[in-house]
Amino acid sequence: MINPDFLLSSDSARHLYHEHAADQPVYDYHCHLPPHQIANNYQFGDIAEIWLGGDHYKWRALRTNGVDEKYVTGDASPRAKFDAWVATMPYCLRNPLYHWSHLELARVFDIDLTIEPKNGDTIWEAANAKLAEMRVHDFLDAFKVAVVCTTDDPADPLDHHEAIAKTGLRTRVYPTFRPDKALAIHDSAAFNAWLEKLAQVAGVSIQTYDDLLEALEKRHGDFHAIGCRISDHGLEQCWASPATHAEAAAVFETAKNGDGTSVSAEDHAKYASQLMLHFGRWDAKREWTKQLHIGPQRNNSTRMFKALGPDTGFDSMGDAPQAKTLAAYLDALDITGELPRMILYNLNPTNNYLFASMAGNFMDGSVPGKIQFGSGWWFLDQKEGMEWQINALSQLGLLRRFVGMLTDSRSFLSFPRHEYFRRILCNLLGSDMENGILPSDSDLIGAMTREICFSNARDFFRLDLHPDYQS
C-alpha cells in the first residue's frame, strides 16, 4: 500500500523527500501523549490498545460506519474492537485515516498489507508479536524523536516529567502549560474541584482572584524550572474584552462562591480576557512560545458528552468571527512590549488567509517568524488541509521560516504523520520546481526542506536537546 514514492508525483519531489526530508529527526512540539506512559516506559498489551485507545479520529469513523459504541469506547474485547476497525477501513477510502493507518502498520510493525477483514488475523498476530518486543521508548527511538511536548494542566503534578528527565532517553520530553480550566467558570462544581487541585500542587490557598494568579504564576515558574518553554490554549474565539482587575476579581468570586452558570457571557469574557493577558505576560517574561488553537465548537452532542465526557469525537469546526478579537489580544500585549513568540492555529479553512495575514501584523524584526501561522490542525491535518495552510503561508508570509508539523495526538503510533506532512511538502515544492515556479536548485530548495522539517523548530523553541539532535 505504502510504496517508497507515496504522494511524490515528480522527480524533484522524490529527490527532495528522499535526500533532504526523510531522515530528519522529529520535533513534536505539541501532542497529548500521556507523560506517565513515557516515564514508566509502558508496554501495550495489543494493537487494539495502542491503535484505538484514545483516538477520537478513529472513533468518529467507526460510528459513521454504523458500529455500536460497545466496539468504540465500550466493553467489547480488544480483538472485537480491532475487527470492527479493520472492517471499517475499506469504507475509509479517501479519508486521511486510510493513509495514516497504513503508514502506522508499515512504519511501526513492518506490515505491508491492505487493512481489510481477510488480512485481520495476520495483522493482529504480527502486530502483537512486534508489540511484545517493544515499549514506549522504542517507538521514540525508532522515529528519531528529538522532542516531545506534552499538554499539561497547571494543576497536574510534574513528577512524571521529573522521572523522564532522569532516564537515559534521547528524546527530550517537556510539559506544555495549558491553563484552559482556569477559564472554565460556567460549572462551579468542576471549577472548584480544579481550584482545590491547583491549590494543593501550588501550595497556595486559593480564596480570591489574587490567590488564583499567585498559584498560576507559581506553577508557570515550576513548569519553567523543569524545561517547559511553551504554553497552549484551546479557544473557540480569542478572549479580548477590556476589563479591570477588580471586574475580573468579582467574576471569580461569583464563580467560586456562587453558581457559575449565573455569570453572564459578558462577565465571563472580561474575566477570561484578564487572565489571558497575564498568561501572555508571563510567557513573554520567561521567553516562552504561546500556542493559540482557535476555532473548534466542542461537545456538540449533549447526550454523548454526558455519557463519555470531552474529547471523545463530538467536536467540529466552528464559525465564530475571529479577526477583531485576535487582533485585539495580540495588540494588547504588543502595546506594552509583552507579546511573546506565538503560533496561531486555525481550524476553519475559510480563515486561513485571515490568520496568515494577522501574523504579519505583529512581526517586529526581533525573531524570524515570531508570529507563526501554524500547521494544519485537527480537521485540517490531512493532505488538502496541509496544502491549503502551506499555500496561504507562502502567499502572505515566509514559508521558509515555518516551524513545521506536529502530531497533536494521543497515540505513540502517530509519528508517521510527520512523514505524511514531509511528503506533501516535498510534493508541493517539487511540483513548483518542475513547473518553473521555484528554481530548479536542489541545494536551495533542499535546505529549505530540511529547515521546515526540523531545524526551524529547533531554533525557534530553543529547547535543550540530546547531543545527537543538536545539529
Protein backbone atom coordinates (compact mmCIF):
# COMPACT_ATOMS: atom_id res chain seq x y z
CA MET A 1 0.00 0.00 0.00
CA ILE A 2 2.73 2.49 1.04
CA ASN A 3 5.44 2.47 -1.63
CA PRO A 4 8.69 4.48 -1.38
CA ASP A 5 7.32 7.24 -3.60
CA PHE A 6 3.92 7.53 -1.94
CA LEU A 7 2.46 11.04 -2.56
CA LEU A 8 5.55 12.09 -4.56
CA SER A 9 4.48 12.86 -8.12
CA SER A 10 7.69 14.21 -9.70
CA ASP A 11 11.41 13.52 -9.82
CA SER A 12 12.08 16.76 -7.95
CA ALA A 13 9.62 15.81 -5.20
CA ARG A 14 11.18 12.38 -4.86
CA HIS A 15 14.67 13.87 -4.63
CA LEU A 16 13.63 16.41 -2.00
CA TYR A 17 11.95 13.82 0.15
CA HIS A 18 14.49 11.01 -0.03
CA GLU A 19 17.60 13.20 0.10
CA HIS A 20 16.53 16.02 2.40
CA ALA A 21 13.36 15.23 4.40
CA ALA A 22 13.13 11.53 5.16
CA ASP A 23 15.99 11.27 7.64
CA GLN A 24 15.34 14.46 9.60
CA PRO A 25 14.61 13.97 13.32
CA VAL A 26 11.09 14.55 14.57
CA TYR A 27 10.41 17.68 16.63
CA ASP A 28 6.92 17.08 18.04
CA TYR A 29 6.28 20.35 19.84
CA HIS A 30 2.58 19.74 20.50
CA CYS A 31 0.92 16.45 21.37
CA HIS A 32 -1.26 14.82 24.01
CA LEU A 33 0.87 11.77 24.82
CA PRO A 34 0.46 10.62 28.45
CA PRO A 35 3.63 11.50 30.41
CA HIS A 36 3.13 8.57 32.78
CA GLN A 37 3.43 6.11 29.90
CA ILE A 38 6.75 7.66 28.88
CA ALA A 39 8.01 7.77 32.47
CA ASN A 40 7.12 4.10 33.00
CA ASN A 41 8.29 3.00 29.53
CA TYR A 42 4.86 1.47 29.10
CA GLN A 43 4.26 -1.71 27.12
CA PHE A 44 0.96 -2.01 25.25
CA GLY A 45 -0.94 -5.25 25.57
CA ASP A 46 -2.15 -5.49 21.97
CA ILE A 47 -2.64 -3.48 18.81
CA ALA A 48 -6.20 -2.54 19.74
CA GLU A 49 -4.95 -0.72 22.83
CA ILE A 50 -2.31 1.33 21.04
CA TRP A 51 -4.20 1.74 17.76
CA LEU A 52 -7.68 2.60 19.01
CA GLY A 53 -7.35 3.71 22.62
CA GLY A 54 -7.99 7.44 22.92
CA ASP A 55 -8.05 8.07 19.16
CA HIS A 56 -11.24 10.04 18.60
CA TYR A 57 -10.46 10.35 14.86
CA LYS A 58 -10.93 6.59 14.53
CA TRP A 59 -13.90 6.62 16.91
CA ARG A 60 -15.74 9.07 14.66
CA ALA A 61 -15.13 6.86 11.64
CA LEU A 62 -16.37 3.76 13.46
CA ARG A 63 -19.58 5.48 14.49
CA THR A 64 -20.07 6.86 11.00
CA ASN A 65 -19.77 3.30 9.68
CA GLY A 66 -22.63 2.20 11.93
CA VAL A 67 -20.50 0.49 14.58
CA ASP A 68 -22.12 0.26 18.01
CA GLU A 69 -20.46 2.23 20.84
CA LYS A 70 -19.68 -1.07 22.55
CA TYR A 71 -16.95 -1.56 19.94
CA VAL A 72 -15.75 2.04 20.07
CA THR A 73 -15.35 3.12 23.71
CA GLY A 74 -17.38 0.34 25.30
CA ASP A 75 -16.59 -3.00 26.93
CA ALA A 76 -16.10 -5.16 23.84
CA SER A 77 -12.94 -7.26 23.82
CA PRO A 78 -9.77 -5.79 22.27
CA ARG A 79 -9.99 -8.27 19.40
CA ALA A 80 -13.62 -7.34 18.72
CA LYS A 81 -12.72 -3.63 18.60
CA PHE A 82 -9.79 -4.39 16.30
CA ASP A 83 -12.06 -6.40 13.99
CA ALA A 84 -14.56 -3.53 13.90
CA TRP A 85 -11.81 -1.14 12.85
CA VAL A 86 -10.42 -3.50 10.20
CA ALA A 87 -13.95 -3.93 8.80
CA THR A 88 -14.35 -0.13 8.72
CA MET A 89 -11.08 0.50 6.89
CA PRO A 90 -12.38 -0.27 3.37
CA TYR A 91 -15.02 2.43 3.93
CA CYS A 92 -12.32 5.00 4.76
CA LEU A 93 -11.06 5.28 1.19
CA ARG A 94 -10.05 8.93 0.52
CA ASN A 95 -10.24 9.70 4.24
CA PRO A 96 -6.79 10.52 5.75
CA LEU A 97 -7.33 7.70 8.24
CA TYR A 98 -6.79 5.26 5.39
CA HIS A 99 -3.33 6.66 4.72
CA TRP A 100 -2.42 7.13 8.38
CA SER A 101 -3.46 3.62 9.41
CA HIS A 102 -1.46 2.00 6.62
CA LEU A 103 1.54 4.20 7.42
CA GLU A 104 1.30 3.14 11.07
CA LEU A 105 1.27 -0.54 10.14
CA ALA A 106 4.13 -0.15 7.70
CA ARG A 107 6.43 2.03 9.78
CA VAL A 108 5.82 0.61 13.25
CA PHE A 109 5.09 -3.05 12.53
CA ASP A 110 6.69 -3.61 9.09
CA ILE A 111 3.32 -4.86 7.86
CA ASP A 112 2.64 -4.05 4.20
CA LEU A 113 -0.87 -5.44 3.87
CA THR A 114 -4.10 -3.76 2.92
CA ILE A 115 -6.21 -3.32 6.03
CA GLU A 116 -9.34 -5.35 5.40
CA PRO A 117 -11.07 -8.29 7.09
CA LYS A 118 -9.30 -11.00 5.09
CA ASN A 119 -5.97 -9.78 6.48
CA GLY A 120 -7.23 -9.25 10.03
CA ASP A 121 -5.78 -12.40 11.59
CA THR A 122 -2.35 -11.84 10.04
CA ILE A 123 -2.22 -8.19 11.10
CA TRP A 124 -3.40 -8.99 14.64
CA GLU A 125 -0.80 -11.72 15.16
CA ALA A 126 2.13 -9.92 13.51
CA ALA A 127 1.48 -6.59 15.22
CA ASN A 128 1.05 -8.19 18.63
CA ALA A 129 4.26 -10.17 18.20
CA LYS A 130 6.08 -6.92 17.46
CA LEU A 131 4.46 -5.15 20.43
CA ALA A 132 5.66 -7.93 22.71
CA GLU A 133 9.20 -6.75 21.95
CA MET A 134 8.57 -3.00 22.13
CA ARG A 135 7.98 -0.37 24.77
CA VAL A 136 7.22 3.34 24.52
CA HIS A 137 10.89 4.34 24.47
CA ASP A 138 11.43 2.05 21.49
CA PHE A 139 8.83 3.98 19.49
CA LEU A 140 10.54 7.27 20.30
CA ASP A 141 13.95 5.94 19.30
CA ALA A 142 12.69 4.26 16.13
CA PHE A 143 11.23 7.53 14.81
CA LYS A 144 14.24 9.63 15.86
CA VAL A 145 12.01 11.81 18.03
CA ALA A 146 14.19 14.64 19.32
CA VAL A 147 11.45 16.43 21.28
CA VAL A 148 8.02 15.64 22.65
CA CYS A 149 5.99 18.42 24.27
CA THR A 150 3.02 17.01 26.14
CA THR A 151 -0.05 19.05 27.11
CA ASP A 152 -0.35 19.62 30.86
CA ASP A 153 -2.75 21.43 33.15
CA PRO A 154 -1.21 23.74 35.79
CA ALA A 155 -2.86 21.53 38.42
CA ASP A 156 -1.08 18.43 37.10
CA PRO A 157 1.90 17.28 39.13
CA LEU A 158 5.17 17.20 37.22
CA ASP A 159 6.55 14.05 38.83
CA HIS A 160 6.32 12.03 35.61
CA HIS A 161 8.33 14.67 33.78
CA GLU A 162 10.87 14.67 36.60
CA ALA A 163 11.15 10.89 36.27
CA ILE A 164 11.55 11.09 32.48
CA ALA A 165 14.35 13.64 32.84
CA LYS A 166 16.31 11.14 34.93
CA THR A 167 16.20 8.40 32.30
CA GLY A 168 18.69 7.89 29.53
CA LEU A 169 16.05 8.57 26.89
CA ARG A 170 17.43 10.51 23.93
CA THR A 171 14.05 12.09 23.33
CA ARG A 172 13.65 15.21 25.42
CA VAL A 173 10.15 15.33 26.91
CA TYR A 174 8.80 18.64 28.19
CA PRO A 175 5.43 19.73 29.59
CA THR A 176 3.31 22.43 27.96
CA PHE A 177 1.42 24.85 30.21
CA ARG A 178 -2.28 24.71 29.23
CA PRO A 179 -4.47 26.57 31.76
CA ASP A 180 -7.82 26.22 29.98
CA LYS A 181 -9.58 25.05 33.15
CA ALA A 182 -8.80 28.39 34.79
CA LEU A 183 -11.18 29.94 32.24
CA ALA A 184 -13.94 27.33 32.57
CA ILE A 185 -16.09 29.02 35.22
CA HIS A 186 -19.52 28.03 33.86
CA ASP A 187 -19.54 24.86 36.01
CA SER A 188 -18.87 25.90 39.61
CA ALA A 189 -18.53 22.36 40.93
CA ALA A 190 -15.90 21.39 38.37
CA PHE A 191 -14.16 24.76 38.71
CA ASN A 192 -13.91 24.47 42.49
CA ALA A 193 -12.64 20.90 42.27
CA TRP A 194 -9.93 22.10 39.90
CA LEU A 195 -9.08 25.01 42.23
CA GLU A 196 -8.54 22.53 45.05
CA LYS A 197 -6.12 20.52 42.92
CA LEU A 198 -4.28 23.66 41.85
CA ALA A 199 -4.05 24.93 45.42
CA GLN A 200 -2.61 21.64 46.60
CA VAL A 201 0.06 21.33 43.92
CA ALA A 202 0.99 25.03 44.10
CA GLY A 203 0.96 25.19 47.90
CA VAL A 204 -1.28 28.27 47.80
CA SER A 205 -4.68 28.69 49.48
CA ILE A 206 -6.98 29.97 46.72
CA GLN A 207 -9.74 32.14 48.12
CA THR A 208 -9.50 35.20 45.88
CA TYR A 209 -8.65 36.13 42.31
CA ASP A 210 -5.22 37.32 43.51
CA ASP A 211 -4.65 33.91 45.09
CA LEU A 212 -5.51 32.30 41.77
CA LEU A 213 -2.99 34.48 39.95
CA GLU A 214 -0.35 33.67 42.55
CA ALA A 215 -0.94 29.92 42.20
CA LEU A 216 -0.95 30.01 38.40
CA GLU A 217 2.22 32.09 38.20
CA LYS A 218 3.94 29.79 40.67
CA ARG A 219 3.05 26.81 38.50
CA HIS A 220 4.25 28.71 35.44
CA GLY A 221 7.59 29.00 37.23
CA ASP A 222 7.55 25.32 38.21
CA PHE A 223 6.97 24.34 34.59
CA HIS A 224 9.82 26.63 33.52
CA ALA A 225 12.17 25.05 36.05
CA ILE A 226 11.68 21.61 34.51
CA GLY A 227 12.36 22.88 31.00
CA CYS A 228 8.94 23.95 29.69
CA ARG A 229 9.13 26.82 27.21
CA ILE A 230 5.70 26.52 25.54
CA SER A 231 2.15 27.34 26.61
CA ASP A 232 -1.09 26.46 24.88
CA HIS A 233 -4.74 27.48 24.85
CA GLY A 234 -7.72 25.84 23.17
CA LEU A 235 -10.20 28.59 22.31
CA GLU A 236 -13.39 28.84 20.30
CA GLN A 237 -12.53 32.51 19.90
CA CYS A 238 -9.79 34.69 21.33
CA TRP A 239 -10.69 36.44 24.59
CA ALA A 240 -10.12 40.20 24.28
CA SER A 241 -12.73 42.16 26.25
CA PRO A 242 -11.35 45.17 28.14
CA ALA A 243 -11.63 44.61 31.88
CA THR A 244 -10.17 45.85 35.13
CA HIS A 245 -8.55 43.73 37.77
CA ALA A 246 -11.48 44.45 40.08
CA GLU A 247 -14.02 43.29 37.48
CA ALA A 248 -12.16 40.02 36.96
CA ALA A 249 -11.92 39.50 40.71
CA ALA A 250 -15.66 39.98 41.11
CA VAL A 251 -16.41 37.39 38.41
CA PHE A 252 -14.02 34.92 40.06
CA GLU A 253 -15.79 35.40 43.39
CA THR A 254 -19.17 34.69 41.79
CA ALA A 255 -17.87 31.56 40.09
CA LYS A 256 -16.13 30.28 43.20
CA ASN A 257 -18.74 31.05 45.80
CA GLY A 258 -21.92 31.04 43.77
CA ASP A 259 -23.31 29.43 40.66
CA GLY A 260 -21.02 29.69 37.65
CA THR A 261 -23.99 29.42 35.31
CA SER A 262 -25.14 32.79 36.62
CA VAL A 263 -22.04 34.51 35.24
CA SER A 264 -23.08 36.42 32.14
CA ALA A 265 -21.28 35.91 28.83
CA GLU A 266 -20.04 39.49 29.07
CA ASP A 267 -18.56 38.99 32.54
CA HIS A 268 -17.07 35.64 31.56
CA ALA A 269 -15.32 37.36 28.65
CA LYS A 270 -13.92 40.07 30.94
CA TYR A 271 -12.56 37.51 33.40
CA ALA A 272 -11.05 35.29 30.70
CA SER A 273 -9.55 38.27 28.86
CA GLN A 274 -7.81 39.45 32.02
CA LEU A 275 -6.34 36.01 32.64
CA MET A 276 -5.18 35.68 29.04
CA LEU A 277 -3.22 38.92 29.37
CA HIS A 278 -1.48 37.59 32.47
CA PHE A 279 -0.66 34.35 30.68
CA GLY A 280 0.82 36.27 27.75
CA ARG A 281 2.91 38.49 30.02
CA TRP A 282 4.31 35.51 31.92
CA ASP A 283 5.22 33.83 28.63
CA ALA A 284 6.97 36.96 27.40
CA LYS A 285 8.84 37.40 30.68
CA ARG A 286 10.21 33.85 30.54
CA GLU A 287 10.71 33.92 26.75
CA TRP A 288 8.24 31.16 26.04
CA THR A 289 6.23 30.49 22.89
CA LYS A 290 2.44 30.72 23.20
CA GLN A 291 0.18 28.50 21.08
CA LEU A 292 -3.40 29.54 20.34
CA HIS A 293 -5.56 26.73 18.97
CA ILE A 294 -8.57 28.68 17.77
CA GLY A 295 -11.88 27.73 16.21
CA PRO A 296 -13.45 24.45 17.42
CA GLN A 297 -17.04 24.06 18.51
CA ARG A 298 -16.82 21.44 21.21
CA ASN A 299 -19.14 18.83 22.76
CA ASN A 300 -21.94 19.28 20.24
CA SER A 301 -23.79 16.13 21.30
CA THR A 302 -25.16 16.76 24.78
CA ARG A 303 -26.22 13.14 25.10
CA MET A 304 -22.77 11.73 24.29
CA PHE A 305 -20.97 14.39 26.33
CA LYS A 306 -22.96 13.27 29.38
CA ALA A 307 -22.15 9.64 28.62
CA LEU A 308 -18.47 9.86 27.64
CA GLY A 309 -17.17 13.32 28.55
CA PRO A 310 -14.98 15.64 26.44
CA ASP A 311 -12.52 14.75 23.67
CA THR A 312 -14.41 11.68 22.55
CA GLY A 313 -15.20 12.65 18.97
CA PHE A 314 -18.13 15.05 19.11
CA ASP A 315 -16.36 18.31 18.29
CA SER A 316 -16.35 20.12 14.95
CA MET A 317 -15.21 23.30 13.22
CA GLY A 318 -16.77 26.50 14.50
CA ASP A 319 -17.59 29.65 12.58
CA ALA A 320 -17.20 32.38 15.21
CA PRO A 321 -15.82 35.73 13.99
CA GLN A 322 -12.08 35.74 14.68
CA ALA A 323 -10.33 38.84 13.30
CA LYS A 324 -11.27 41.58 15.78
CA THR A 325 -10.74 39.61 18.98
CA LEU A 326 -7.50 38.01 17.81
CA ALA A 327 -6.10 41.38 16.73
CA ALA A 328 -7.19 42.99 19.99
CA TYR A 329 -5.47 40.33 22.10
CA LEU A 330 -2.20 40.46 20.17
CA ASP A 331 -2.27 44.25 20.16
CA ALA A 332 -2.88 44.50 23.91
CA LEU A 333 0.30 42.52 24.56
CA ASP A 334 2.25 44.27 21.82
CA ILE A 335 1.45 47.76 23.12
CA THR A 336 3.30 47.06 26.36
CA GLY A 337 6.15 45.16 24.72
CA GLU A 338 4.92 41.85 26.20
CA LEU A 339 3.97 39.93 23.08
CA PRO A 340 5.68 36.52 23.21
CA ARG A 341 6.57 34.30 20.29
CA MET A 342 3.31 32.81 19.17
CA ILE A 343 1.77 30.16 16.93
CA LEU A 344 -1.76 30.72 15.63
CA TYR A 345 -3.62 27.57 14.61
CA ASN A 346 -6.81 27.94 12.60
CA LEU A 347 -9.49 25.25 12.40
CA ASN A 348 -11.80 26.76 9.80
CA PRO A 349 -10.16 26.92 6.35
CA THR A 350 -12.21 29.97 5.39
CA ASN A 351 -10.00 31.85 7.86
CA ASN A 352 -6.61 30.69 6.55
CA TYR A 353 -5.80 33.99 4.87
CA LEU A 354 -7.13 35.88 7.88
CA PHE A 355 -4.73 34.09 10.24
CA ALA A 356 -1.79 34.21 7.84
CA SER A 357 -2.20 37.94 7.31
CA MET A 358 -2.82 38.57 11.04
CA ALA A 359 0.55 37.02 11.88
CA GLY A 360 2.29 39.60 9.71
CA ASN A 361 0.76 42.49 11.68
CA PHE A 362 2.89 41.74 14.72
CA MET A 363 6.32 40.85 13.36
CA ASP A 364 8.85 43.20 14.95
CA GLY A 365 12.19 42.11 13.50
CA SER A 366 13.36 40.61 16.78
CA VAL A 367 12.81 36.95 15.89
CA PRO A 368 12.49 35.32 12.45
CA GLY A 369 8.88 34.21 12.10
CA LYS A 370 7.98 35.48 15.57
CA ILE A 371 4.23 35.05 14.99
CA GLN A 372 3.66 31.78 13.14
CA PHE A 373 0.64 30.70 11.14
CA GLY A 374 0.58 27.16 12.48
CA SER A 375 0.29 23.89 10.65
CA GLY A 376 -2.97 22.32 9.52
CA TRP A 377 -4.73 21.33 12.72
CA TRP A 378 -7.29 18.69 13.74
CA PHE A 379 -9.78 18.52 10.85
CA LEU A 380 -7.17 20.19 8.62
CA ASP A 381 -4.14 17.98 9.34
CA GLN A 382 -4.77 16.00 6.16
CA LYS A 383 -3.41 16.37 2.63
CA GLU A 384 -5.75 19.07 1.36
CA GLY A 385 -5.75 20.98 4.66
CA MET A 386 -1.95 20.93 4.84
CA GLU A 387 -1.68 22.17 1.27
CA TRP A 388 -4.13 25.00 1.99
CA GLN A 389 -2.12 26.07 5.03
CA ILE A 390 1.22 25.88 3.21
CA ASN A 391 -0.14 27.85 0.28
CA ALA A 392 -1.68 30.58 2.46
CA LEU A 393 1.52 30.93 4.46
CA SER A 394 3.57 31.01 1.25
CA GLN A 395 1.49 33.80 -0.24
CA LEU A 396 1.32 36.03 2.85
CA GLY A 397 4.40 35.15 4.88
CA LEU A 398 7.74 33.36 4.67
CA LEU A 399 7.29 29.62 4.23
CA ARG A 400 10.99 29.07 4.80
CA ARG A 401 10.61 30.30 8.40
CA PHE A 402 7.78 27.82 9.12
CA VAL A 403 8.32 25.59 12.18
CA GLY A 404 6.66 22.61 10.53
CA MET A 405 4.39 19.79 11.59
CA LEU A 406 3.32 18.21 14.87
CA THR A 407 1.16 15.20 15.74
CA ASP A 408 -1.41 16.76 18.14
CA SER A 409 -2.06 13.12 19.01
CA ARG A 410 -2.68 10.87 21.99
CA SER A 411 -1.08 7.88 20.24
CA PHE A 412 2.52 6.70 20.03
CA LEU A 413 1.66 5.39 16.56
CA SER A 414 1.13 8.90 15.18
CA PHE A 415 4.73 9.86 14.42
CA PRO A 416 4.30 8.79 10.75
CA ARG A 417 2.14 11.91 10.41
CA HIS A 418 5.44 13.81 10.23
CA GLU A 419 6.37 11.65 7.25
CA TYR A 420 2.94 12.33 5.73
CA PHE A 421 3.48 16.09 6.08
CA ARG A 422 7.01 15.89 4.69
CA ARG A 423 5.88 14.00 1.61
CA ILE A 424 3.11 16.56 1.00
CA LEU A 425 5.56 19.45 1.47
CA CYS A 426 8.11 17.91 -0.88
CA ASN A 427 5.45 17.17 -3.48
CA LEU A 428 4.34 20.83 -3.47
CA LEU A 429 7.89 22.17 -3.65
CA GLY A 430 8.91 19.61 -6.25
CA SER A 431 5.92 20.45 -8.42
CA ASP A 432 6.86 24.14 -8.27
CA MET A 433 10.41 23.25 -9.31
CA GLU A 434 9.18 21.17 -12.24
CA ASN A 435 6.85 23.99 -13.34
CA GLY A 436 9.43 26.74 -13.10
CA ILE A 437 7.72 28.45 -10.15
CA LEU A 438 10.72 27.72 -7.94
CA PRO A 439 14.35 27.47 -9.09
CA SER A 440 15.47 24.03 -10.14
CA ASP A 441 18.14 24.21 -7.47
CA SER A 442 18.12 21.15 -5.22
CA ASP A 443 20.63 22.67 -2.80
CA LEU A 444 18.49 25.77 -2.25
CA ILE A 445 15.13 24.01 -2.01
CA GLY A 446 16.69 21.10 -0.16
CA ALA A 447 17.98 23.44 2.54
CA MET A 448 14.50 24.96 2.84
CA THR A 449 13.01 21.47 3.17
CA ARG A 450 15.37 20.47 5.98
CA GLU A 451 14.69 23.70 7.83
CA ILE A 452 10.90 23.27 7.73
CA CYS A 453 11.13 19.60 8.72
CA PHE A 454 13.36 20.12 11.75
CA SER A 455 15.87 22.92 12.23
CA ASN A 456 13.40 25.82 12.22
CA ALA A 457 11.58 24.29 15.21
CA ARG A 458 14.89 23.51 16.91
CA ASP A 459 15.98 27.14 16.61
CA PHE A 460 12.58 28.72 17.32
CA PHE A 461 11.71 26.90 20.56
CA ARG A 462 15.27 26.72 21.89
CA LEU A 463 14.68 23.63 23.99
CA ASP A 464 17.58 21.61 25.28
CA LEU A 465 18.23 18.58 23.03
CA HIS A 466 20.24 15.39 23.30
CA PRO A 467 23.62 15.90 21.59
CA ASP A 468 22.56 13.55 18.79
CA TYR A 469 19.88 16.04 17.72
CA GLN A 470 21.55 19.40 18.31
CA SER A 471 22.78 19.95 14.75
